């Protein structure tokens, strides 16, 4: 941990020095880009592809490369250090013993809710850093709740309460200590009171990640409880939209170290047409979730993000969208896309991500849903050209 921590700190210091050196060239390039836009894109309805934001020219790339490399090295070193810390934490953390009466059970661990309650509605910087290193594309639409289960000999078998509430979608994904998905379970509509989760892995412990989504007019729901045989391990509890209020403060809590960690993401997406798609996805979405289909790209200051969704998708799916700064901090709170065509304002350069989930919590990934959501960057104040067809996105 100490070695990786020191390496990450060294790369951070190098990035800060390089950023100070290149600050003026970066500002000049941004000014040149704005001038080129006003001159070359003066016609009404000027658009850019939302997948890569129009790419990056050679001069911009040359200025960005030193910061890109240092940013990526700093982020990867910090992630490695955190992985070691997590292994040690989950080995020592008290595990739920469970009882038939539920007297020895515990709540789902909700770091975000607990931190917001402790800091008057805002998150502590330690929790922000932890989240940006674990799931860097901040999910503003749910609080991921955790539970660590010790792994004994043979497959791990758990029973999950089959919670079915209109406007409430939930998924539990099991991960090993390296954040690899090793199992999943969702609500079984038309099933019994419980659904079964079986995990077969050599890991010493299994992390259960509960993602609860409230959509339409649902504002509060009960999270599913977890049993091991007849023993209740994790009890049910209310989950409401009020637990997401801290998202509106995140951008104001951005720090320079957050920018250093995620600076490389913007040029990565800008050049995605020339890079292996699997690698771009792995960097942008390091923690996979088979119950979510992802679509993502670039946003630029001076352009709005315009989404076009096949209306038939809304029958069985929910579409969420978040816009991020270059530090991967949300500039918008949770936004549920409810119309076939929507336009989201952009306040600065950064990137965006749309999450598509099934209303019943089932698998959404790999089912072609990304072809039913298209996007364009349209200059602020302009109308979307009638002759323009939204460009399919690279997922």
Foldseek 3Di string as FASTA:
>chain_A
DVVLVVQLVVLLVVLVVLCVVCVVVVVVVVVVVVVCCCVVVVDFQRWAFQQQRNFDDPVRCVSCVVLLVSLQSSLVSVLVVVLVVLVVCLVPPDAQPFDLVCPRAAAFAQQLLVQCVVVVNAHDPVVVVVCCSPWVLDDLFWGKTKHKFFDDPDKAKKKKFQDDDPQKWKKKFKAASVLDTFWIDTHDVVDDGIDMIIGDDPGRMIMIIMTMGGDDPDFKDKGIWMGRVSGTHHDIDMDGPSSSSNLQCFVVVDDVSLLSNQLNLSNCSSCVVVDPLVVNCCVNGVNDDQQKAKFKHKDAAQWKKKKAADLVLVVFKWKWKFWAASSSRTNDHIDTDDDRIDIGHDHHIGMMMMIMGTSRNDGDPPPPRQQRMFIMITGPPGDNDPPDDGDRGRD
